[in-house]
Amino acid sequence: MTASQQYASAEQHAEDGASLISILDELTELVTAARAMPMSASVLVNRAEALDLLDAARAVVPEEIQTADDIVADADAMVERARQRADKIVEEARVRAEELVSEENVVRLAEERAEQIVRDAEAKAAKLAADANDYCDRQLAQFEIDLNSISTQVRAGREALSARAGRVAVAAEE
């Protein structure tokens, strides 16, 4: 078989979609089925067929390497997309966590402020109640003083009337 025929045969294997494994299987079968040399481990192999299969293997290897490279590139691209998506998810989770922490902090501060307002209001209410009680007590004490004074004046007026009435009765009797 000429070199051009061998090349054509190798191209035919590549065009047939032969894989490197199938070509190697054919080569193995060629050697296994070869006629043994008497009293030797050697065999007689058709050189043209063996070279044809080796050329076919050489022709297929670049295609399979390219296919493997494409698969690896696709896998790398997929891994990169997955990594980018994972990074995005992690970033979104971090931002959301910060928002939640911030909201929690705002709520905590609002609760603390509300508690302080309630404490201040209760203290102010207690002071107002105490002041009101004190004011009422002072007013009642003043009313008591005024009533005692009025009572004293009433008593004195009555005594004066009684005394005059006693003089008028004595004068009338006289």
N, C-alpha and C. Protein backbone atom coordinates (compact mmCIF):
# COMPACT_ATOMS: atom_id res chain seq x y z
N MET A 1 0.86 -1.16 0.00
CA MET A 1 0.00 0.00 0.00
C MET A 1 0.90 1.23 0.00
N THR A 2 0.57 2.19 -0.83
CA THR A 2 1.40 3.39 -0.94
C THR A 2 1.06 4.33 0.20
N ALA A 3 1.90 5.35 0.37
CA ALA A 3 1.70 6.33 1.44
C ALA A 3 0.40 7.08 1.23
N SER A 4 0.08 7.39 -0.02
CA SER A 4 -1.17 8.13 -0.28
C SER A 4 -2.37 7.25 0.03
N GLN A 5 -2.25 5.96 -0.24
CA GLN A 5 -3.34 5.04 0.08
C GLN A 5 -3.51 4.91 1.60
N GLN A 6 -2.37 4.85 2.30
CA GLN A 6 -2.43 4.75 3.76
C GLN A 6 -3.07 6.00 4.35
N TYR A 7 -2.70 7.16 3.80
CA TYR A 7 -3.25 8.42 4.29
C TYR A 7 -4.75 8.47 4.03
N ALA A 8 -5.15 8.02 2.83
CA ALA A 8 -6.57 7.99 2.47
C ALA A 8 -7.33 7.05 3.40
N SER A 9 -6.74 5.90 3.72
CA SER A 9 -7.37 4.95 4.63
C SER A 9 -7.50 5.55 6.03
N ALA A 10 -6.46 6.28 6.48
CA ALA A 10 -6.49 6.92 7.80
C ALA A 10 -7.58 7.98 7.84
N GLU A 11 -7.69 8.75 6.75
CA GLU A 11 -8.72 9.78 6.69
C GLU A 11 -10.10 9.14 6.69
N GLN A 12 -10.22 7.98 6.02
CA GLN A 12 -11.50 7.28 5.97
C GLN A 12 -11.93 6.87 7.37
N HIS A 13 -10.98 6.35 8.18
CA HIS A 13 -11.30 5.99 9.57
C HIS A 13 -11.77 7.22 10.34
N ALA A 14 -11.08 8.35 10.15
CA ALA A 14 -11.43 9.57 10.86
C ALA A 14 -12.81 10.05 10.42
N GLU A 15 -13.09 9.99 9.10
CA GLU A 15 -14.38 10.42 8.58
C GLU A 15 -15.50 9.51 9.04
N ASP A 16 -15.21 8.23 9.20
CA ASP A 16 -16.22 7.28 9.65
C ASP A 16 -16.57 7.51 11.12
N GLY A 17 -15.89 8.44 11.73
CA GLY A 17 -16.16 8.72 13.14
C GLY A 17 -15.49 7.72 14.04
N ALA A 18 -14.47 7.03 13.52
CA ALA A 18 -13.78 6.04 14.33
C ALA A 18 -13.11 6.74 15.50
N SER A 19 -13.19 6.12 16.64
CA SER A 19 -12.53 6.68 17.80
C SER A 19 -11.18 6.00 17.96
N LEU A 20 -10.36 6.63 18.71
CA LEU A 20 -9.02 6.09 18.97
C LEU A 20 -9.14 4.70 19.58
N ILE A 21 -10.10 4.51 20.45
CA ILE A 21 -10.27 3.20 21.11
C ILE A 21 -10.62 2.13 20.08
N SER A 22 -11.52 2.45 19.15
CA SER A 22 -11.90 1.43 18.16
C SER A 22 -10.72 1.11 17.23
N ILE A 23 -9.91 2.12 16.92
CA ILE A 23 -8.73 1.88 16.07
C ILE A 23 -7.74 1.00 16.82
N LEU A 24 -7.53 1.28 18.09
CA LEU A 24 -6.61 0.46 18.89
C LEU A 24 -7.15 -0.97 19.03
N ASP A 25 -8.46 -1.10 19.14
CA ASP A 25 -9.07 -2.44 19.19
C ASP A 25 -8.78 -3.21 17.90
N GLU A 26 -8.91 -2.51 16.77
CA GLU A 26 -8.62 -3.16 15.48
C GLU A 26 -7.15 -3.58 15.41
N LEU A 27 -6.27 -2.71 15.87
CA LEU A 27 -4.83 -3.02 15.84
C LEU A 27 -4.55 -4.23 16.73
N THR A 28 -5.19 -4.27 17.89
CA THR A 28 -5.01 -5.41 18.80
C THR A 28 -5.50 -6.69 18.14
N GLU A 29 -6.63 -6.63 17.48
CA GLU A 29 -7.16 -7.81 16.81
C GLU A 29 -6.24 -8.24 15.68
N LEU A 30 -5.64 -7.26 14.98
CA LEU A 30 -4.72 -7.56 13.89
C LEU A 30 -3.52 -8.35 14.42
N VAL A 31 -2.97 -7.90 15.54
CA VAL A 31 -1.80 -8.58 16.12
C VAL A 31 -2.21 -9.93 16.69
N THR A 32 -3.36 -9.98 17.36
CA THR A 32 -3.83 -11.22 17.97
C THR A 32 -4.12 -12.29 16.91
N ALA A 33 -4.68 -11.89 15.82
CA ALA A 33 -5.06 -12.83 14.76
C ALA A 33 -3.89 -13.15 13.82
N ALA A 34 -2.79 -12.47 14.00
CA ALA A 34 -1.64 -12.69 13.10
C ALA A 34 -1.08 -14.10 13.26
N ARG A 35 -0.49 -14.59 12.20
CA ARG A 35 0.07 -15.94 12.20
C ARG A 35 1.37 -15.95 12.98
N ALA A 36 1.50 -16.92 13.86
CA ALA A 36 2.68 -17.03 14.72
C ALA A 36 3.86 -17.59 13.93
N MET A 37 5.04 -17.13 14.31
CA MET A 37 6.28 -17.65 13.72
C MET A 37 6.63 -18.92 14.49
N PRO A 38 6.98 -19.96 13.82
CA PRO A 38 7.31 -21.20 14.52
C PRO A 38 8.49 -20.97 15.47
N MET A 39 8.36 -21.51 16.65
CA MET A 39 9.41 -21.55 17.66
C MET A 39 9.81 -20.13 18.09
N SER A 40 8.81 -19.20 18.12
CA SER A 40 9.12 -17.82 18.47
C SER A 40 7.85 -17.16 19.00
N ALA A 41 8.02 -16.09 19.73
CA ALA A 41 6.88 -15.31 20.21
C ALA A 41 6.47 -14.29 19.17
N SER A 42 7.17 -14.21 18.09
CA SER A 42 6.90 -13.24 17.05
C SER A 42 5.74 -13.71 16.18
N VAL A 43 5.12 -12.72 15.53
CA VAL A 43 4.02 -13.02 14.62
C VAL A 43 4.25 -12.27 13.33
N LEU A 44 3.57 -12.76 12.29
CA LEU A 44 3.62 -12.07 11.00
C LEU A 44 2.41 -11.15 10.91
N VAL A 45 2.68 -9.87 10.80
CA VAL A 45 1.60 -8.88 10.74
C VAL A 45 1.69 -8.19 9.39
N ASN A 46 0.54 -7.93 8.82
CA ASN A 46 0.50 -7.20 7.56
C ASN A 46 0.91 -5.77 7.88
N ARG A 47 2.07 -5.41 7.36
CA ARG A 47 2.64 -4.11 7.65
C ARG A 47 1.69 -3.00 7.19
N ALA A 48 1.13 -3.11 6.03
CA ALA A 48 0.27 -2.07 5.47
C ALA A 48 -0.95 -1.86 6.36
N GLU A 49 -1.56 -2.97 6.82
CA GLU A 49 -2.74 -2.83 7.69
C GLU A 49 -2.36 -2.17 9.01
N ALA A 50 -1.25 -2.60 9.60
CA ALA A 50 -0.81 -2.03 10.88
C ALA A 50 -0.51 -0.55 10.73
N LEU A 51 0.23 -0.20 9.65
CA LEU A 51 0.55 1.21 9.44
C LEU A 51 -0.72 2.02 9.15
N ASP A 52 -1.66 1.43 8.44
CA ASP A 52 -2.92 2.10 8.15
C ASP A 52 -3.67 2.42 9.45
N LEU A 53 -3.71 1.44 10.34
CA LEU A 53 -4.38 1.65 11.63
C LEU A 53 -3.64 2.69 12.47
N LEU A 54 -2.32 2.68 12.46
CA LEU A 54 -1.55 3.67 13.22
C LEU A 54 -1.77 5.08 12.65
N ASP A 55 -1.81 5.19 11.31
CA ASP A 55 -2.08 6.49 10.69
C ASP A 55 -3.49 6.98 11.05
N ALA A 56 -4.44 6.05 11.05
CA ALA A 56 -5.81 6.41 11.42
C ALA A 56 -5.84 6.91 12.87
N ALA A 57 -5.07 6.24 13.73
CA ALA A 57 -5.01 6.67 15.13
C ALA A 57 -4.44 8.08 15.23
N ARG A 58 -3.36 8.33 14.46
CA ARG A 58 -2.77 9.66 14.46
C ARG A 58 -3.77 10.72 13.94
N ALA A 59 -4.56 10.35 12.95
CA ALA A 59 -5.52 11.28 12.38
C ALA A 59 -6.66 11.56 13.37
N VAL A 60 -7.03 10.57 14.14
CA VAL A 60 -8.15 10.71 15.07
C VAL A 60 -7.74 11.43 16.35
N VAL A 61 -6.50 11.25 16.77
CA VAL A 61 -6.06 11.82 18.06
C VAL A 61 -6.29 13.34 18.11
N PRO A 62 -5.88 14.12 17.11
CA PRO A 62 -6.12 15.57 17.23
C PRO A 62 -7.61 15.90 17.37
N GLU A 63 -8.45 15.18 16.64
CA GLU A 63 -9.89 15.43 16.74
C GLU A 63 -10.40 15.10 18.15
N GLU A 64 -9.95 13.98 18.70
CA GLU A 64 -10.40 13.61 20.04
C GLU A 64 -9.81 14.54 21.09
N ILE A 65 -8.59 14.98 20.85
CA ILE A 65 -8.00 15.96 21.79
C ILE A 65 -8.81 17.24 21.73
N GLN A 66 -9.17 17.67 20.52
CA GLN A 66 -9.99 18.88 20.38
C GLN A 66 -11.33 18.70 21.07
N THR A 67 -11.94 17.52 20.90
CA THR A 67 -13.22 17.24 21.55
C THR A 67 -13.05 17.28 23.07
N ALA A 68 -11.97 16.65 23.54
CA ALA A 68 -11.71 16.67 24.99
C ALA A 68 -11.46 18.10 25.46
N ASP A 69 -10.69 18.86 24.67
CA ASP A 69 -10.44 20.26 25.03
C ASP A 69 -11.75 21.04 25.08
N ASP A 70 -12.62 20.79 24.10
CA ASP A 70 -13.93 21.47 24.10
C ASP A 70 -14.74 21.11 25.34
N ILE A 71 -14.71 19.83 25.69
CA ILE A 71 -15.45 19.38 26.87
C ILE A 71 -14.88 20.04 28.12
N VAL A 72 -13.55 20.08 28.21
CA VAL A 72 -12.90 20.71 29.36
C VAL A 72 -13.23 22.20 29.39
N ALA A 73 -13.18 22.85 28.21
CA ALA A 73 -13.50 24.28 28.15
C ALA A 73 -14.95 24.53 28.57
N ASP A 74 -15.86 23.67 28.09
CA ASP A 74 -17.26 23.80 28.50
C ASP A 74 -17.41 23.60 30.00
N ALA A 75 -16.71 22.61 30.51
CA ALA A 75 -16.76 22.35 31.95
C ALA A 75 -16.18 23.53 32.73
N ASP A 76 -15.06 24.07 32.24
CA ASP A 76 -14.46 25.23 32.90
C ASP A 76 -15.41 26.41 32.87
N ALA A 77 -16.05 26.63 31.73
CA ALA A 77 -17.00 27.73 31.61
C ALA A 77 -18.18 27.53 32.56
N MET A 78 -18.64 26.28 32.64
CA MET A 78 -19.76 25.98 33.54
C MET A 78 -19.34 26.20 35.00
N VAL A 79 -18.14 25.77 35.33
CA VAL A 79 -17.64 25.97 36.70
C VAL A 79 -17.52 27.46 36.99
N GLU A 80 -17.03 28.23 36.02
CA GLU A 80 -16.90 29.67 36.20
C GLU A 80 -18.27 30.33 36.40
N ARG A 81 -19.25 29.91 35.57
CA ARG A 81 -20.60 30.46 35.74
C ARG A 81 -21.17 30.09 37.11
N ALA A 82 -20.94 28.85 37.51
CA ALA A 82 -21.42 28.41 38.82
C ALA A 82 -20.73 29.19 39.94
N ARG A 83 -19.42 29.42 39.78
CA ARG A 83 -18.69 30.18 40.79
C ARG A 83 -19.20 31.62 40.86
N GLN A 84 -19.43 32.22 39.69
CA GLN A 84 -19.95 33.58 39.67
C GLN A 84 -21.34 33.65 40.31
N ARG A 85 -22.17 32.66 40.00
CA ARG A 85 -23.51 32.62 40.59
C ARG A 85 -23.42 32.42 42.10
N ALA A 86 -22.51 31.55 42.52
CA ALA A 86 -22.33 31.33 43.96
C ALA A 86 -21.83 32.61 44.63
N ASP A 87 -20.90 33.31 43.98
CA ASP A 87 -20.41 34.58 44.53
C ASP A 87 -21.55 35.58 44.64
N LYS A 88 -22.40 35.62 43.62
CA LYS A 88 -23.52 36.55 43.63
C LYS A 88 -24.49 36.20 44.75
N ILE A 89 -24.76 34.91 44.92
CA ILE A 89 -25.67 34.48 45.98
C ILE A 89 -25.09 34.83 47.35
N VAL A 90 -23.79 34.59 47.52
CA VAL A 90 -23.14 34.90 48.79
C VAL A 90 -23.20 36.41 49.05
N GLU A 91 -22.97 37.21 48.02
CA GLU A 91 -23.01 38.67 48.18
C GLU A 91 -24.43 39.13 48.53
N GLU A 92 -25.43 38.56 47.83
CA GLU A 92 -26.81 38.91 48.14
C GLU A 92 -27.16 38.51 49.58
N ALA A 93 -26.69 37.35 49.99
CA ALA A 93 -26.94 36.89 51.37
C ALA A 93 -26.26 37.82 52.37
N ARG A 94 -25.05 38.25 52.06
CA ARG A 94 -24.33 39.16 52.96
C ARG A 94 -25.08 40.49 53.08
N VAL A 95 -25.52 41.02 51.93
CA VAL A 95 -26.26 42.29 51.94
C VAL A 95 -27.55 42.14 52.74
N ARG A 96 -28.26 41.04 52.51
CA ARG A 96 -29.52 40.82 53.24
C ARG A 96 -29.26 40.66 54.73
N ALA A 97 -28.19 39.96 55.07
CA ALA A 97 -27.85 39.79 56.49
C ALA A 97 -27.55 41.15 57.12
N GLU A 98 -26.83 42.00 56.39
CA GLU A 98 -26.55 43.34 56.91
C GLU A 98 -27.84 44.13 57.08
N GLU A 99 -28.77 43.99 56.12
CA GLU A 99 -30.05 44.68 56.24
C GLU A 99 -30.80 44.20 57.47
N LEU A 100 -30.81 42.88 57.66
CA LEU A 100 -31.52 42.32 58.82
C LEU A 100 -30.89 42.78 60.13
N VAL A 101 -29.57 42.79 60.15
CA VAL A 101 -28.87 43.25 61.35
C VAL A 101 -29.18 44.72 61.59
N SER A 102 -29.18 45.50 60.52
CA SER A 102 -29.48 46.92 60.63
C SER A 102 -30.91 47.12 61.12
N GLU A 103 -31.85 46.38 60.51
CA GLU A 103 -33.24 46.46 60.94
C GLU A 103 -33.38 46.04 62.40
N GLU A 104 -32.68 44.98 62.76
CA GLU A 104 -32.73 44.50 64.14
C GLU A 104 -32.19 45.57 65.08
N ASN A 105 -31.11 46.24 64.66
CA ASN A 105 -30.52 47.29 65.47
C ASN A 105 -31.49 48.46 65.61
N VAL A 106 -32.15 48.82 64.51
CA VAL A 106 -33.13 49.91 64.55
C VAL A 106 -34.28 49.53 65.48
N VAL A 107 -34.76 48.31 65.38
CA VAL A 107 -35.85 47.85 66.24
C VAL A 107 -35.40 47.88 67.70
N ARG A 108 -34.20 47.39 67.96
CA ARG A 108 -33.69 47.37 69.33
C ARG A 108 -33.59 48.79 69.87
N LEU A 109 -33.04 49.71 69.06
CA LEU A 109 -32.92 51.11 69.49
C LEU A 109 -34.31 51.73 69.72
N ALA A 110 -35.26 51.41 68.85
CA ALA A 110 -36.61 51.94 69.01
C ALA A 110 -37.26 51.40 70.29
N GLU A 111 -37.05 50.11 70.56
CA GLU A 111 -37.59 49.53 71.79
C GLU A 111 -36.96 50.17 73.02
N GLU A 112 -35.64 50.37 72.98
CA GLU A 112 -34.97 51.02 74.11
C GLU A 112 -35.50 52.44 74.29
N ARG A 113 -35.69 53.17 73.20
CA ARG A 113 -36.20 54.54 73.27
C ARG A 113 -37.62 54.54 73.81
N ALA A 114 -38.44 53.59 73.35
CA ALA A 114 -39.82 53.49 73.83
C ALA A 114 -39.85 53.20 75.34
N GLU A 115 -38.99 52.30 75.78
CA GLU A 115 -38.92 52.00 77.21
C GLU A 115 -38.50 53.23 78.00
N GLN A 116 -37.55 54.00 77.48
CA GLN A 116 -37.10 55.22 78.16
C GLN A 116 -38.24 56.24 78.23
N ILE A 117 -38.99 56.37 77.13
CA ILE A 117 -40.12 57.31 77.11
C ILE A 117 -41.17 56.90 78.14
N VAL A 118 -41.46 55.59 78.21
CA VAL A 118 -42.43 55.10 79.19
C VAL A 118 -41.94 55.37 80.61
N ARG A 119 -40.64 55.09 80.87
CA ARG A 119 -40.09 55.35 82.22
C ARG A 119 -40.19 56.84 82.55
N ASP A 120 -39.84 57.71 81.60
CA ASP A 120 -39.91 59.16 81.84
C ASP A 120 -41.36 59.59 82.09
N ALA A 121 -42.29 59.05 81.30
CA ALA A 121 -43.70 59.41 81.46
C ALA A 121 -44.23 58.95 82.82
N GLU A 122 -43.84 57.73 83.23
CA GLU A 122 -44.28 57.23 84.53
C GLU A 122 -43.71 58.08 85.66
N ALA A 123 -42.44 58.48 85.53
CA ALA A 123 -41.82 59.32 86.56
C ALA A 123 -42.51 60.68 86.60
N LYS A 124 -42.80 61.25 85.42
CA LYS A 124 -43.47 62.56 85.37
C LYS A 124 -44.87 62.45 85.95
N ALA A 125 -45.58 61.35 85.63
CA ALA A 125 -46.92 61.15 86.16
C ALA A 125 -46.88 61.02 87.68
N ALA A 126 -45.90 60.29 88.19
CA ALA A 126 -45.77 60.14 89.64
C ALA A 126 -45.48 61.49 90.30
N LYS A 127 -44.62 62.30 89.68
CA LYS A 127 -44.30 63.63 90.23
C LYS A 127 -45.53 64.52 90.18
N LEU A 128 -46.28 64.50 89.05
CA LEU A 128 -47.49 65.30 88.95
C LEU A 128 -48.51 64.88 90.01
N ALA A 129 -48.66 63.58 90.23
CA ALA A 129 -49.60 63.08 91.24
C ALA A 129 -49.16 63.55 92.63
N ALA A 130 -47.87 63.47 92.91
CA ALA A 130 -47.36 63.92 94.21
C ALA A 130 -47.57 65.42 94.36
N ASP A 131 -47.28 66.18 93.31
CA ASP A 131 -47.47 67.64 93.36
C ASP A 131 -48.95 67.98 93.54
N ALA A 132 -49.83 67.24 92.82
CA ALA A 132 -51.27 67.49 92.95
C ALA A 132 -51.73 67.18 94.37
N ASN A 133 -51.27 66.07 94.95
CA ASN A 133 -51.62 65.72 96.33
C ASN A 133 -51.13 66.79 97.30
N ASP A 134 -49.92 67.26 97.08
CA ASP A 134 -49.35 68.30 97.94
C ASP A 134 -50.16 69.60 97.84
N TYR A 135 -50.53 69.96 96.59
CA TYR A 135 -51.33 71.17 96.37
C TYR A 135 -52.68 71.05 97.07
N CYS A 136 -53.33 69.90 96.88
CA CYS A 136 -54.64 69.68 97.52
C CYS A 136 -54.52 69.74 99.04
N ASP A 137 -53.47 69.15 99.59
CA ASP A 137 -53.26 69.16 101.03
C ASP A 137 -53.08 70.59 101.53
N ARG A 138 -52.31 71.40 100.81
CA ARG A 138 -52.09 72.80 101.19
C ARG A 138 -53.41 73.59 101.13
N GLN A 139 -54.19 73.35 100.07
CA GLN A 139 -55.46 74.05 99.93
C GLN A 139 -56.42 73.66 101.05
N LEU A 140 -56.49 72.34 101.32
CA LEU A 140 -57.37 71.89 102.41
C LEU A 140 -56.91 72.47 103.75
N ALA A 141 -55.63 72.54 103.96
CA ALA A 141 -55.12 73.12 105.21
C ALA A 141 -55.52 74.59 105.28
N GLN A 142 -55.43 75.31 104.16
CA GLN A 142 -55.82 76.72 104.14
C GLN A 142 -57.32 76.86 104.40
N PHE A 143 -58.14 75.93 103.76
CA PHE A 143 -59.58 75.96 104.00
C PHE A 143 -59.87 75.72 105.49
N GLU A 144 -59.11 74.78 106.08
CA GLU A 144 -59.31 74.49 107.49
C GLU A 144 -59.01 75.72 108.34
N ILE A 145 -57.93 76.41 108.01
CA ILE A 145 -57.58 77.63 108.75
C ILE A 145 -58.68 78.67 108.56
N ASP A 146 -59.11 78.84 107.29
CA ASP A 146 -60.16 79.82 107.01
C ASP A 146 -61.46 79.44 107.73
N LEU A 147 -61.81 78.14 107.70
CA LEU A 147 -63.03 77.70 108.38
C LEU A 147 -62.92 77.90 109.88
N ASN A 148 -61.76 77.62 110.46
CA ASN A 148 -61.56 77.85 111.89
C ASN A 148 -61.72 79.33 112.20
N SER A 149 -61.18 80.18 111.33
CA SER A 149 -61.28 81.63 111.52
C SER A 149 -62.73 82.06 111.43
N ILE A 150 -63.45 81.53 110.42
CA ILE A 150 -64.86 81.87 110.25
C ILE A 150 -65.65 81.34 111.44
N SER A 151 -65.31 80.13 111.85
CA SER A 151 -65.99 79.53 112.99
C SER A 151 -65.78 80.40 114.24
N THR A 152 -64.56 80.88 114.39
CA THR A 152 -64.26 81.75 115.54
C THR A 152 -65.07 83.04 115.43
N GLN A 153 -65.16 83.60 114.24
CA GLN A 153 -65.91 84.84 114.02
C GLN A 153 -67.40 84.59 114.26
N VAL A 154 -67.89 83.44 113.79
CA VAL A 154 -69.31 83.11 114.00
C VAL A 154 -69.59 82.97 115.48
N ARG A 155 -68.71 82.29 116.17
CA ARG A 155 -68.88 82.08 117.60
C ARG A 155 -68.86 83.43 118.32
N ALA A 156 -67.93 84.29 117.92
CA ALA A 156 -67.84 85.61 118.55
C ALA A 156 -69.10 86.42 118.24
N GLY A 157 -69.58 86.32 117.00
CA GLY A 157 -70.80 87.05 116.62
C GLY A 157 -72.00 86.55 117.39
N ARG A 158 -72.06 85.28 117.56
CA ARG A 158 -73.17 84.71 118.30
C ARG A 158 -73.11 85.11 119.75
N GLU A 159 -71.89 85.11 120.28
CA GLU A 159 -71.74 85.51 121.68
C GLU A 159 -72.12 86.98 121.83
N ALA A 160 -71.72 87.78 120.83
CA ALA A 160 -72.07 89.21 120.89
C ALA A 160 -73.58 89.37 120.82
N LEU A 161 -74.23 88.61 119.96
CA LEU A 161 -75.69 88.66 119.85
C LEU A 161 -76.33 88.18 121.15
N SER A 162 -75.77 87.16 121.68
CA SER A 162 -76.30 86.59 122.90
C SER A 162 -76.13 87.59 124.04
N ALA A 163 -75.01 88.23 124.05
CA ALA A 163 -74.77 89.20 125.12
C ALA A 163 -75.70 90.39 124.94
N ARG A 164 -75.90 90.86 123.76
CA ARG A 164 -76.79 91.97 123.50
C ARG A 164 -78.23 91.55 123.81
N ALA A 165 -78.53 90.35 123.44
CA ALA A 165 -79.87 89.85 123.70
C ALA A 165 -80.08 89.76 125.21
N GLY A 166 -79.07 89.42 125.94
CA GLY A 166 -79.16 89.36 127.39
C GLY A 166 -79.29 90.74 127.95
N ARG A 167 -78.70 91.75 127.44
CA ARG A 167 -78.78 93.12 127.89
C ARG A 167 -80.13 93.69 127.52
N VAL A 168 -80.61 93.32 126.35
CA VAL A 168 -81.91 93.82 125.91
C VAL A 168 -82.96 93.18 126.83
N ALA A 169 -82.83 91.93 127.19
CA ALA A 169 -83.77 91.27 128.06
C ALA A 169 -83.69 91.86 129.46
N VAL A 170 -82.50 92.17 129.89
CA VAL A 170 -82.31 92.78 131.22
C VAL A 170 -82.87 94.20 131.16
N ALA A 171 -82.64 94.94 130.11
CA ALA A 171 -83.10 96.30 129.99
C ALA A 171 -84.64 96.30 129.90
N ALA A 172 -85.19 95.31 129.27
CA ALA A 172 -86.64 95.25 129.15
C ALA A 172 -87.24 94.91 130.52
N GLU A 173 -86.55 94.19 131.27
CA GLU A 173 -87.03 93.83 132.58
C GLU A 173 -86.81 95.00 133.52
N GLU A 174 -86.02 95.75 133.33
CA GLU A 174 -85.76 96.84 134.21
C GLU A 174 -86.69 97.89 133.93
